[in-house]
Amino acid sequence: MDLKTFIANIIDSAIWPVFLIALLIIFRKPLRKLLGRIASLTFKDVAVEFSEELAQLNDLNPGLESKKPEKKSSPLKQVSLDEIVRESPKAAILMGWNQLADSISSNLRRLNLRSETMLFDSVSGMGKLIRNTELESVTSLVFHKLYNLKNMASSENAKISETDAKDYLNNVSYLIDKISRAKLKLND
């Protein structure tokens, strides 16, 4: 083997690792996001869908990172919401949804948009709030994403991580805060 062949073999053997390391350095931010989503692949397809939907939901709420929600008292006085998240993330998501539905109902009453004879449905109630208040249209998207995530979480084979449940609850808290500050539209 002559010197040129030897050097060519070394370069040929070393080029792939060097190229791979260069790609990892160049694309480190997108790879972090991708690896974060792939890590939840071990939880079955439902968990992957849940994490992806939650990531889209977090993108819809740009103010969520800057505004940390205040600790809300749990409907169950003896158990904190953090303990429920640790014990059963699915139950925490369903409790968060119930708090959102209660908030929609109480704000419909506060704004005199709900008659006492009307059957309450959180989806139609939220639609009524969107149509009659100054809530942004993105609020409707956030609400429907939360609704879909709640439905995914309530399926029997869904595996939800504590982090996903906490993110969901932060989004619920953010939406409850927006709804509670909603004002009626002024008629022109």
N, C-alpha and C. Protein backbone atom coordinates (compact mmCIF):
# COMPACT_ATOMS: atom_id res chain seq x y z
N MET A 1 0.86 -1.16 0.00
CA MET A 1 0.00 0.00 0.00
C MET A 1 0.91 1.23 0.00
N ASP A 2 0.68 2.08 -0.95
CA ASP A 2 1.51 3.28 -1.01
C ASP A 2 0.91 4.38 -0.13
N LEU A 3 1.60 5.46 0.02
CA LEU A 3 1.23 6.56 0.91
C LEU A 3 -0.09 7.20 0.48
N LYS A 4 -0.29 7.40 -0.81
CA LYS A 4 -1.52 8.04 -1.30
C LYS A 4 -2.75 7.17 -0.98
N THR A 5 -2.66 5.90 -1.16
CA THR A 5 -3.77 4.99 -0.86
C THR A 5 -4.05 4.96 0.64
N PHE A 6 -3.00 4.96 1.43
CA PHE A 6 -3.13 4.97 2.88
C PHE A 6 -3.86 6.23 3.34
N ILE A 7 -3.46 7.40 2.85
CA ILE A 7 -4.10 8.67 3.22
C ILE A 7 -5.55 8.69 2.73
N ALA A 8 -5.80 8.18 1.54
CA ALA A 8 -7.17 8.13 1.01
C ALA A 8 -8.06 7.24 1.88
N ASN A 9 -7.54 6.12 2.36
CA ASN A 9 -8.31 5.24 3.25
C ASN A 9 -8.61 5.91 4.58
N ILE A 10 -7.65 6.63 5.12
CA ILE A 10 -7.85 7.34 6.40
C ILE A 10 -8.92 8.42 6.22
N ILE A 11 -8.81 9.20 5.15
CA ILE A 11 -9.79 10.25 4.90
C ILE A 11 -11.17 9.64 4.67
N ASP A 12 -11.22 8.55 3.92
CA ASP A 12 -12.49 7.88 3.66
C ASP A 12 -13.12 7.37 4.95
N SER A 13 -12.33 6.87 5.86
CA SER A 13 -12.83 6.36 7.13
C SER A 13 -13.23 7.48 8.08
N ALA A 14 -12.55 8.61 8.02
CA ALA A 14 -12.78 9.69 8.98
C ALA A 14 -13.83 10.70 8.51
N ILE A 15 -14.16 10.72 7.24
CA ILE A 15 -15.05 11.76 6.73
C ILE A 15 -16.46 11.64 7.29
N TRP A 16 -17.00 10.42 7.44
CA TRP A 16 -18.36 10.28 7.94
C TRP A 16 -18.52 10.75 9.38
N PRO A 17 -17.66 10.38 10.30
CA PRO A 17 -17.81 10.91 11.66
C PRO A 17 -17.66 12.43 11.72
N VAL A 18 -16.72 12.97 10.96
CA VAL A 18 -16.52 14.42 10.95
C VAL A 18 -17.75 15.11 10.37
N PHE A 19 -18.27 14.57 9.28
CA PHE A 19 -19.47 15.12 8.65
C PHE A 19 -20.66 15.06 9.60
N LEU A 20 -20.83 13.95 10.29
CA LEU A 20 -21.93 13.78 11.23
C LEU A 20 -21.82 14.77 12.39
N ILE A 21 -20.63 14.94 12.94
CA ILE A 21 -20.43 15.89 14.03
C ILE A 21 -20.72 17.31 13.56
N ALA A 22 -20.29 17.65 12.35
CA ALA A 22 -20.57 18.98 11.80
C ALA A 22 -22.07 19.20 11.65
N LEU A 23 -22.80 18.20 11.17
CA LEU A 23 -24.25 18.32 11.05
C LEU A 23 -24.92 18.49 12.40
N LEU A 24 -24.47 17.74 13.40
CA LEU A 24 -25.03 17.87 14.74
C LEU A 24 -24.81 19.26 15.30
N ILE A 25 -23.65 19.83 15.06
CA ILE A 25 -23.36 21.17 15.55
C ILE A 25 -24.23 22.20 14.83
N ILE A 26 -24.35 22.07 13.53
CA ILE A 26 -25.11 23.04 12.74
C ILE A 26 -26.61 22.98 13.09
N PHE A 27 -27.16 21.78 13.24
CA PHE A 27 -28.59 21.62 13.46
C PHE A 27 -28.93 21.26 14.90
N ARG A 28 -28.19 21.76 15.86
CA ARG A 28 -28.42 21.34 17.25
C ARG A 28 -29.77 21.80 17.80
N LYS A 29 -30.24 23.01 17.46
CA LYS A 29 -31.53 23.48 17.98
C LYS A 29 -32.70 22.68 17.41
N PRO A 30 -32.79 22.52 16.10
CA PRO A 30 -33.90 21.70 15.58
C PRO A 30 -33.82 20.25 16.06
N LEU A 31 -32.61 19.73 16.23
CA LEU A 31 -32.48 18.35 16.71
C LEU A 31 -32.95 18.21 18.14
N ARG A 32 -32.74 19.24 18.97
CA ARG A 32 -33.23 19.19 20.35
C ARG A 32 -34.74 19.05 20.36
N LYS A 33 -35.42 19.85 19.54
CA LYS A 33 -36.88 19.75 19.47
C LYS A 33 -37.31 18.37 18.98
N LEU A 34 -36.64 17.90 17.95
CA LEU A 34 -36.98 16.60 17.39
C LEU A 34 -36.74 15.48 18.39
N LEU A 35 -35.62 15.52 19.08
CA LEU A 35 -35.32 14.48 20.07
C LEU A 35 -36.28 14.53 21.24
N GLY A 36 -36.74 15.72 21.60
CA GLY A 36 -37.73 15.84 22.66
C GLY A 36 -39.02 15.15 22.31
N ARG A 37 -39.38 15.21 21.04
CA ARG A 37 -40.61 14.55 20.58
C ARG A 37 -40.39 13.05 20.39
N ILE A 38 -39.23 12.68 19.94
CA ILE A 38 -38.94 11.25 19.74
C ILE A 38 -38.85 10.53 21.08
N ALA A 39 -38.38 11.22 22.10
CA ALA A 39 -38.25 10.60 23.42
C ALA A 39 -39.59 10.10 23.93
N SER A 40 -40.66 10.76 23.55
CA SER A 40 -41.96 10.32 24.02
C SER A 40 -42.55 9.21 23.15
N LEU A 41 -41.84 8.80 22.11
CA LEU A 41 -42.30 7.73 21.24
C LEU A 41 -42.44 6.41 21.99
N THR A 42 -41.70 6.25 23.06
CA THR A 42 -41.78 5.03 23.85
C THR A 42 -43.13 4.89 24.56
N PHE A 43 -43.91 5.95 24.58
CA PHE A 43 -45.20 5.91 25.26
C PHE A 43 -46.36 5.50 24.34
N LYS A 44 -46.08 5.04 23.15
CA LYS A 44 -47.05 4.64 22.13
C LYS A 44 -47.42 5.84 21.28
N ASP A 45 -48.14 5.58 20.21
CA ASP A 45 -48.51 6.63 19.26
C ASP A 45 -49.36 7.72 19.88
N VAL A 46 -50.22 7.37 20.80
CA VAL A 46 -51.10 8.36 21.41
C VAL A 46 -50.29 9.43 22.13
N ALA A 47 -49.26 9.03 22.83
CA ALA A 47 -48.44 10.00 23.56
C ALA A 47 -47.69 10.91 22.60
N VAL A 48 -47.25 10.38 21.47
CA VAL A 48 -46.56 11.21 20.48
C VAL A 48 -47.53 12.26 19.97
N GLU A 49 -48.74 11.86 19.62
CA GLU A 49 -49.73 12.82 19.15
C GLU A 49 -50.01 13.86 20.23
N PHE A 50 -50.13 13.44 21.48
CA PHE A 50 -50.43 14.37 22.56
C PHE A 50 -49.31 15.39 22.70
N SER A 51 -48.06 14.94 22.69
CA SER A 51 -46.93 15.86 22.83
C SER A 51 -46.85 16.83 21.67
N GLU A 52 -47.12 16.34 20.45
CA GLU A 52 -47.08 17.22 19.29
C GLU A 52 -48.18 18.26 19.36
N GLU A 53 -49.40 17.84 19.73
CA GLU A 53 -50.50 18.79 19.87
C GLU A 53 -50.19 19.81 20.96
N LEU A 54 -49.59 19.35 22.05
CA LEU A 54 -49.25 20.25 23.14
C LEU A 54 -48.19 21.25 22.70
N ALA A 55 -47.24 20.82 21.89
CA ALA A 55 -46.22 21.74 21.38
C ALA A 55 -46.86 22.80 20.49
N GLN A 56 -47.82 22.39 19.66
CA GLN A 56 -48.53 23.37 18.83
C GLN A 56 -49.32 24.33 19.69
N LEU A 57 -49.92 23.83 20.75
CA LEU A 57 -50.68 24.67 21.66
C LEU A 57 -49.78 25.68 22.34
N ASN A 58 -48.61 25.25 22.78
CA ASN A 58 -47.66 26.17 23.41
C ASN A 58 -47.21 27.24 22.43
N ASP A 59 -47.11 26.90 21.14
CA ASP A 59 -46.76 27.90 20.12
C ASP A 59 -47.87 28.94 19.95
N LEU A 60 -49.13 28.54 20.17
CA LEU A 60 -50.25 29.48 20.05
C LEU A 60 -50.31 30.46 21.21
N ASN A 61 -49.72 30.12 22.34
CA ASN A 61 -49.73 30.96 23.53
C ASN A 61 -48.36 31.55 23.78
N PRO A 62 -47.95 32.58 23.03
CA PRO A 62 -46.60 33.12 23.22
C PRO A 62 -46.39 33.76 24.58
N GLY A 63 -47.44 34.25 25.22
CA GLY A 63 -47.30 34.89 26.52
C GLY A 63 -47.24 33.91 27.67
N LEU A 64 -47.36 32.64 27.38
CA LEU A 64 -47.41 31.63 28.44
C LEU A 64 -46.11 31.54 29.20
N GLU A 65 -44.96 31.65 28.52
CA GLU A 65 -43.68 31.54 29.20
C GLU A 65 -43.44 32.72 30.13
N SER A 66 -43.86 33.92 29.70
CA SER A 66 -43.59 35.10 30.51
C SER A 66 -44.54 35.21 31.69
N LYS A 67 -45.71 34.61 31.60
CA LYS A 67 -46.69 34.71 32.66
C LYS A 67 -46.81 33.35 33.35
N LYS A 68 -46.31 33.28 34.54
CA LYS A 68 -46.47 32.05 35.32
C LYS A 68 -47.81 32.14 36.05
N PRO A 69 -48.67 31.14 35.89
CA PRO A 69 -49.97 31.20 36.54
C PRO A 69 -49.84 31.09 38.05
N GLU A 70 -50.76 31.81 38.71
CA GLU A 70 -50.77 31.71 40.17
C GLU A 70 -51.30 30.33 40.55
N LYS A 71 -50.92 29.91 41.73
CA LYS A 71 -51.41 28.61 42.21
C LYS A 71 -52.90 28.73 42.49
N LYS A 72 -53.67 27.93 41.83
CA LYS A 72 -55.11 27.92 42.05
C LYS A 72 -55.41 26.82 43.06
N SER A 73 -56.43 27.07 43.88
CA SER A 73 -56.77 26.03 44.83
C SER A 73 -57.48 24.90 44.09
N SER A 74 -57.14 23.71 44.45
CA SER A 74 -57.69 22.54 43.81
C SER A 74 -59.12 22.32 44.30
N PRO A 75 -60.01 21.82 43.43
CA PRO A 75 -61.35 21.50 43.90
C PRO A 75 -61.33 20.47 45.03
N LEU A 76 -60.34 19.60 45.02
CA LEU A 76 -60.18 18.65 46.12
C LEU A 76 -59.25 19.28 47.14
N LYS A 77 -59.78 19.72 48.24
CA LYS A 77 -59.01 20.49 49.21
C LYS A 77 -57.85 19.70 49.82
N GLN A 78 -58.03 18.40 50.03
CA GLN A 78 -57.01 17.64 50.74
C GLN A 78 -55.85 17.22 49.84
N VAL A 79 -55.97 17.34 48.54
CA VAL A 79 -54.91 16.90 47.64
C VAL A 79 -54.53 18.06 46.72
N SER A 80 -53.23 18.36 46.64
CA SER A 80 -52.80 19.44 45.76
C SER A 80 -52.77 18.96 44.31
N LEU A 81 -52.85 19.90 43.39
CA LEU A 81 -52.85 19.56 41.98
C LEU A 81 -51.53 18.93 41.57
N ASP A 82 -50.42 19.36 42.18
CA ASP A 82 -49.12 18.75 41.87
C ASP A 82 -49.10 17.27 42.24
N GLU A 83 -49.72 16.92 43.36
CA GLU A 83 -49.78 15.51 43.76
C GLU A 83 -50.62 14.71 42.77
N ILE A 84 -51.68 15.31 42.29
CA ILE A 84 -52.53 14.62 41.31
C ILE A 84 -51.76 14.40 40.02
N VAL A 85 -50.98 15.42 39.60
CA VAL A 85 -50.17 15.27 38.38
C VAL A 85 -49.19 14.12 38.54
N ARG A 86 -48.57 14.02 39.72
CA ARG A 86 -47.61 12.93 39.95
C ARG A 86 -48.30 11.57 39.98
N GLU A 87 -49.45 11.51 40.61
CA GLU A 87 -50.16 10.23 40.74
C GLU A 87 -50.84 9.80 39.44
N SER A 88 -51.52 10.74 38.79
CA SER A 88 -52.26 10.41 37.57
C SER A 88 -52.35 11.64 36.67
N PRO A 89 -51.42 11.77 35.74
CA PRO A 89 -51.46 12.91 34.82
C PRO A 89 -52.78 13.01 34.05
N LYS A 90 -53.37 11.86 33.70
CA LYS A 90 -54.65 11.88 32.99
C LYS A 90 -55.74 12.52 33.84
N ALA A 91 -55.78 12.16 35.12
CA ALA A 91 -56.79 12.74 36.01
C ALA A 91 -56.57 14.24 36.17
N ALA A 92 -55.32 14.67 36.22
CA ALA A 92 -55.03 16.10 36.35
C ALA A 92 -55.53 16.85 35.12
N ILE A 93 -55.36 16.26 33.94
CA ILE A 93 -55.84 16.90 32.71
C ILE A 93 -57.36 17.02 32.73
N LEU A 94 -58.04 15.97 33.16
CA LEU A 94 -59.50 16.02 33.22
C LEU A 94 -59.97 17.03 34.26
N MET A 95 -59.26 17.14 35.38
CA MET A 95 -59.61 18.16 36.38
C MET A 95 -59.38 19.56 35.83
N GLY A 96 -58.30 19.74 35.09
CA GLY A 96 -58.04 21.03 34.46
C GLY A 96 -59.14 21.40 33.49
N TRP A 97 -59.59 20.41 32.70
CA TRP A 97 -60.68 20.67 31.76
C TRP A 97 -61.95 21.07 32.51
N ASN A 98 -62.24 20.38 33.62
CA ASN A 98 -63.43 20.72 34.41
C ASN A 98 -63.35 22.15 34.94
N GLN A 99 -62.15 22.57 35.36
CA GLN A 99 -61.98 23.95 35.82
C GLN A 99 -62.23 24.93 34.68
N LEU A 100 -61.77 24.59 33.49
CA LEU A 100 -62.00 25.45 32.32
C LEU A 100 -63.50 25.53 32.00
N ALA A 101 -64.18 24.40 32.03
CA ALA A 101 -65.62 24.39 31.76
C ALA A 101 -66.37 25.21 32.81
N ASP A 102 -65.97 25.09 34.09
CA ASP A 102 -66.59 25.90 35.15
C ASP A 102 -66.35 27.38 34.91
N SER A 103 -65.15 27.72 34.47
CA SER A 103 -64.82 29.12 34.19
C SER A 103 -65.66 29.66 33.04
N ILE A 104 -65.84 28.87 32.00
CA ILE A 104 -66.67 29.30 30.87
C ILE A 104 -68.10 29.54 31.34
N SER A 105 -68.63 28.61 32.12
CA SER A 105 -70.00 28.74 32.62
C SER A 105 -70.16 29.97 33.50
N SER A 106 -69.24 30.17 34.43
CA SER A 106 -69.35 31.33 35.34
C SER A 106 -69.17 32.65 34.60
N ASN A 107 -68.32 32.68 33.58
CA ASN A 107 -68.15 33.92 32.83
C ASN A 107 -69.32 34.19 31.90
N LEU A 108 -69.98 33.16 31.42
CA LEU A 108 -71.22 33.37 30.67
C LEU A 108 -72.27 34.02 31.57
N ARG A 109 -72.37 33.54 32.82
CA ARG A 109 -73.31 34.15 33.78
C ARG A 109 -72.88 35.58 34.12
N ARG A 110 -71.59 35.79 34.34
CA ARG A 110 -71.07 37.12 34.70
C ARG A 110 -71.40 38.14 33.62
N LEU A 111 -71.32 37.73 32.37
CA LEU A 111 -71.57 38.63 31.25
C LEU A 111 -73.03 38.60 30.78
N ASN A 112 -73.89 37.91 31.54
CA ASN A 112 -75.32 37.78 31.21
C ASN A 112 -75.52 37.19 29.81
N LEU A 113 -74.74 36.21 29.46
CA LEU A 113 -74.86 35.55 28.16
C LEU A 113 -75.50 34.17 28.27
N ARG A 114 -75.81 33.75 29.48
CA ARG A 114 -76.35 32.41 29.68
C ARG A 114 -77.67 32.49 30.41
N SER A 115 -78.68 31.87 29.84
CA SER A 115 -79.95 31.80 30.55
C SER A 115 -79.91 30.57 31.46
N GLU A 116 -80.66 30.62 32.52
CA GLU A 116 -80.65 29.51 33.48
C GLU A 116 -81.26 28.24 32.90
N THR A 117 -82.10 28.39 31.88
CA THR A 117 -82.73 27.20 31.29
C THR A 117 -81.86 26.54 30.23
N MET A 118 -80.82 27.25 29.79
CA MET A 118 -79.95 26.72 28.75
C MET A 118 -79.10 25.56 29.29
N LEU A 119 -79.06 24.46 28.56
CA LEU A 119 -78.16 23.37 28.91
C LEU A 119 -76.74 23.82 28.63
N PHE A 120 -75.83 23.48 29.52
CA PHE A 120 -74.46 23.96 29.34
C PHE A 120 -73.62 22.94 28.60
N ASP A 121 -72.96 23.42 27.58
CA ASP A 121 -71.98 22.65 26.83
C ASP A 121 -70.78 23.58 26.67
N SER A 122 -69.61 23.13 27.11
CA SER A 122 -68.45 24.02 27.12
C SER A 122 -68.06 24.47 25.72
N VAL A 123 -68.26 23.64 24.70
CA VAL A 123 -67.89 24.02 23.34
C VAL A 123 -68.79 25.14 22.84
N SER A 124 -70.11 24.97 22.98
CA SER A 124 -71.02 26.03 22.54
C SER A 124 -70.90 27.26 23.43
N GLY A 125 -70.63 27.04 24.72
CA GLY A 125 -70.42 28.17 25.63
C GLY A 125 -69.21 28.99 25.24
N MET A 126 -68.13 28.32 24.86
CA MET A 126 -66.93 29.04 24.43
C MET A 126 -67.20 29.78 23.13
N GLY A 127 -67.96 29.16 22.24
CA GLY A 127 -68.34 29.83 20.99
C GLY A 127 -69.12 31.10 21.26
N LYS A 128 -70.02 31.04 22.23
CA LYS A 128 -70.80 32.22 22.60
C LYS A 128 -69.90 33.31 23.17
N LEU A 129 -68.93 32.91 24.00
CA LEU A 129 -67.98 33.89 24.54
C LEU A 129 -67.16 34.54 23.42
N ILE A 130 -66.68 33.74 22.49
CA ILE A 130 -65.86 34.27 21.38
C ILE A 130 -66.68 35.25 20.55
N ARG A 131 -67.94 34.90 20.25
CA ARG A 131 -68.77 35.77 19.41
C ARG A 131 -69.15 37.07 20.10
N ASN A 132 -69.34 37.04 21.42
CA ASN A 132 -69.89 38.21 22.12
C ASN A 132 -68.88 39.01 22.93
N THR A 133 -67.64 38.57 22.97
CA THR A 133 -66.64 39.30 23.74
C THR A 133 -65.48 39.70 22.85
N GLU A 134 -64.55 40.40 23.44
CA GLU A 134 -63.39 40.87 22.69
C GLU A 134 -62.22 39.89 22.75
N LEU A 135 -62.50 38.62 22.95
CA LEU A 135 -61.44 37.60 22.93
C LEU A 135 -60.90 37.45 21.51
N GLU A 136 -59.59 37.24 21.40
CA GLU A 136 -58.98 37.08 20.08
C GLU A 136 -59.40 35.74 19.48
N SER A 137 -59.30 35.64 18.16
CA SER A 137 -59.68 34.40 17.49
C SER A 137 -58.74 33.25 17.85
N VAL A 138 -57.49 33.58 18.23
CA VAL A 138 -56.55 32.52 18.62
C VAL A 138 -57.04 31.81 19.88
N THR A 139 -57.85 32.50 20.69
CA THR A 139 -58.40 31.88 21.89
C THR A 139 -59.27 30.68 21.52
N SER A 140 -59.99 30.79 20.43
CA SER A 140 -60.81 29.68 19.96
C SER A 140 -59.94 28.49 19.56
N LEU A 141 -58.83 28.78 18.88
CA LEU A 141 -57.91 27.70 18.50
C LEU A 141 -57.32 27.02 19.73
N VAL A 142 -56.93 27.82 20.71
CA VAL A 142 -56.36 27.27 21.95
C VAL A 142 -57.40 26.38 22.63
N PHE A 143 -58.64 26.87 22.72
CA PHE A 143 -59.71 26.10 23.36
C PHE A 143 -59.91 24.76 22.66
N HIS A 144 -59.98 24.77 21.33
CA HIS A 144 -60.23 23.52 20.60
C HIS A 144 -59.04 22.56 20.70
N LYS A 145 -57.83 23.09 20.76
CA LYS A 145 -56.66 22.21 20.98
C LYS A 145 -56.75 21.57 22.36
N LEU A 146 -57.11 22.38 23.38
CA LEU A 146 -57.27 21.83 24.73
C LEU A 146 -58.36 20.76 24.75
N TYR A 147 -59.44 21.02 24.04
CA TYR A 147 -60.55 20.06 23.96
C TYR A 147 -60.07 18.74 23.34
N ASN A 148 -59.35 18.83 22.22
CA ASN A 148 -58.84 17.62 21.56
C ASN A 148 -57.84 16.88 22.45
N LEU A 149 -56.97 17.63 23.14
CA LEU A 149 -56.01 17.00 24.04
C LEU A 149 -56.71 16.30 25.20
N LYS A 150 -57.77 16.92 25.71
CA LYS A 150 -58.55 16.29 26.79
C LYS A 150 -59.14 14.99 26.30
N ASN A 151 -59.65 14.98 25.07
CA ASN A 151 -60.22 13.75 24.52
C ASN A 151 -59.15 12.68 24.33
N MET A 152 -57.96 13.07 23.88
CA MET A 152 -56.86 12.11 23.75
C MET A 152 -56.48 11.54 25.11
N ALA A 153 -56.42 12.41 26.10
CA ALA A 153 -56.00 11.98 27.44
C ALA A 153 -57.02 11.04 28.06
N SER A 154 -58.28 11.19 27.69
CA SER A 154 -59.29 10.34 28.31
C SER A 154 -59.41 8.97 27.64
N SER A 155 -58.68 8.75 26.55
CA SER A 155 -58.72 7.42 25.95
C SER A 155 -57.94 6.44 26.83
N GLU A 156 -58.36 5.20 26.80
CA GLU A 156 -57.82 4.19 27.71
C GLU A 156 -56.33 3.93 27.51
N ASN A 157 -55.86 3.94 26.27
CA ASN A 157 -54.47 3.58 26.01
C ASN A 157 -53.53 4.79 25.96
N ALA A 158 -53.99 5.96 26.36
CA ALA A 158 -53.13 7.15 26.35
C ALA A 158 -52.15 7.10 27.51
N LYS A 159 -50.91 7.39 27.21
CA LYS A 159 -49.87 7.52 28.23
C LYS A 159 -49.44 8.98 28.24
N ILE A 160 -49.66 9.66 29.33
CA ILE A 160 -49.37 11.09 29.44
C ILE A 160 -48.28 11.27 30.49
N SER A 161 -47.25 12.03 30.13
CA SER A 161 -46.17 12.29 31.08
C SER A 161 -46.57 13.42 32.03
N GLU A 162 -45.87 13.51 33.15
CA GLU A 162 -46.12 14.59 34.11
C GLU A 162 -45.86 15.94 33.47
N THR A 163 -44.81 16.03 32.65
CA THR A 163 -44.48 17.29 31.99
C THR A 163 -45.60 17.72 31.06
N ASP A 164 -46.14 16.77 30.28
CA ASP A 164 -47.26 17.10 29.39
C ASP A 164 -48.47 17.57 30.19
N ALA A 165 -48.76 16.91 31.29
CA ALA A 165 -49.90 17.30 32.12
C ALA A 165 -49.70 18.70 32.69
N LYS A 166 -48.48 19.00 33.15
CA LYS A 166 -48.21 20.35 33.68
C LYS A 166 -48.34 21.40 32.59
N ASP A 167 -47.84 21.11 31.39
CA ASP A 167 -47.98 22.04 30.26
C ASP A 167 -49.46 22.27 29.93
N TYR A 168 -50.22 21.19 29.93
CA TYR A 168 -51.65 21.30 29.65
C TYR A 168 -52.32 22.20 30.69
N LEU A 169 -52.00 21.97 31.96
CA LEU A 169 -52.61 22.76 33.03
C LEU A 169 -52.18 24.22 32.96
N ASN A 170 -50.95 24.49 32.55
CA ASN A 170 -50.51 25.88 32.37
C ASN A 170 -51.32 26.56 31.27
N ASN A 171 -51.57 25.84 30.18
CA ASN A 171 -52.38 26.39 29.10
C ASN A 171 -53.82 26.61 29.54
N VAL A 172 -54.36 25.69 30.33
CA VAL A 172 -55.72 25.86 30.86
C VAL A 172 -55.77 27.10 31.74
N SER A 173 -54.79 27.25 32.61
CA SER A 173 -54.75 28.40 33.51
C SER A 173 -54.66 29.71 32.73
N TYR A 174 -53.85 29.70 31.69
CA TYR A 174 -53.69 30.88 30.83
C TYR A 174 -55.02 31.23 30.16
N LEU A 175 -55.73 30.21 29.65
CA LEU A 175 -57.01 30.45 28.99
C LEU A 175 -58.07 30.91 29.99
N ILE A 176 -58.09 30.32 31.17
CA ILE A 176 -59.04 30.75 32.20
C ILE A 176 -58.81 32.22 32.54
N ASP A 177 -57.55 32.62 32.65
CA ASP A 177 -57.22 34.01 32.94
C ASP A 177 -57.72 34.93 31.82
N LYS A 178 -57.52 34.52 30.57
CA LYS A 178 -58.00 35.34 29.44
C LYS A 178 -59.53 35.44 29.46
N ILE A 179 -60.20 34.34 29.72
CA ILE A 179 -61.66 34.34 29.73
C ILE A 179 -62.19 35.21 30.86
N SER A 180 -61.55 35.14 32.01
CA SER A 180 -62.04 35.92 33.15
C SER A 180 -61.86 37.42 32.96
N ARG A 181 -60.95 37.82 32.07
CA ARG A 181 -60.76 39.24 31.78
C ARG A 181 -61.55 39.70 30.56
N ALA A 182 -62.34 38.82 29.96
CA ALA A 182 -63.08 39.15 28.74
C ALA A 182 -64.17 40.18 29.03
N LYS A 183 -64.33 41.08 28.08
CA LYS A 183 -65.37 42.11 28.17
C LYS A 183 -66.28 41.98 26.96
N LEU A 184 -67.53 42.36 27.14
CA LEU A 184 -68.48 42.31 26.03
C LEU A 184 -68.05 43.26 24.92
N LYS A 185 -68.37 42.87 23.67
CA LYS A 185 -68.10 43.74 22.53
C LYS A 185 -69.07 44.91 22.58
N LEU A 186 -68.59 46.05 22.17
CA LEU A 186 -69.46 47.22 22.06
C LEU A 186 -70.15 47.17 20.71
N ASN A 187 -71.46 47.31 20.70
CA ASN A 187 -72.20 47.29 19.43
C ASN A 187 -72.04 48.63 18.73
N ASP A 188 -71.71 48.56 17.43
CA ASP A 188 -71.54 49.80 16.66
C ASP A 188 -72.86 50.29 16.11
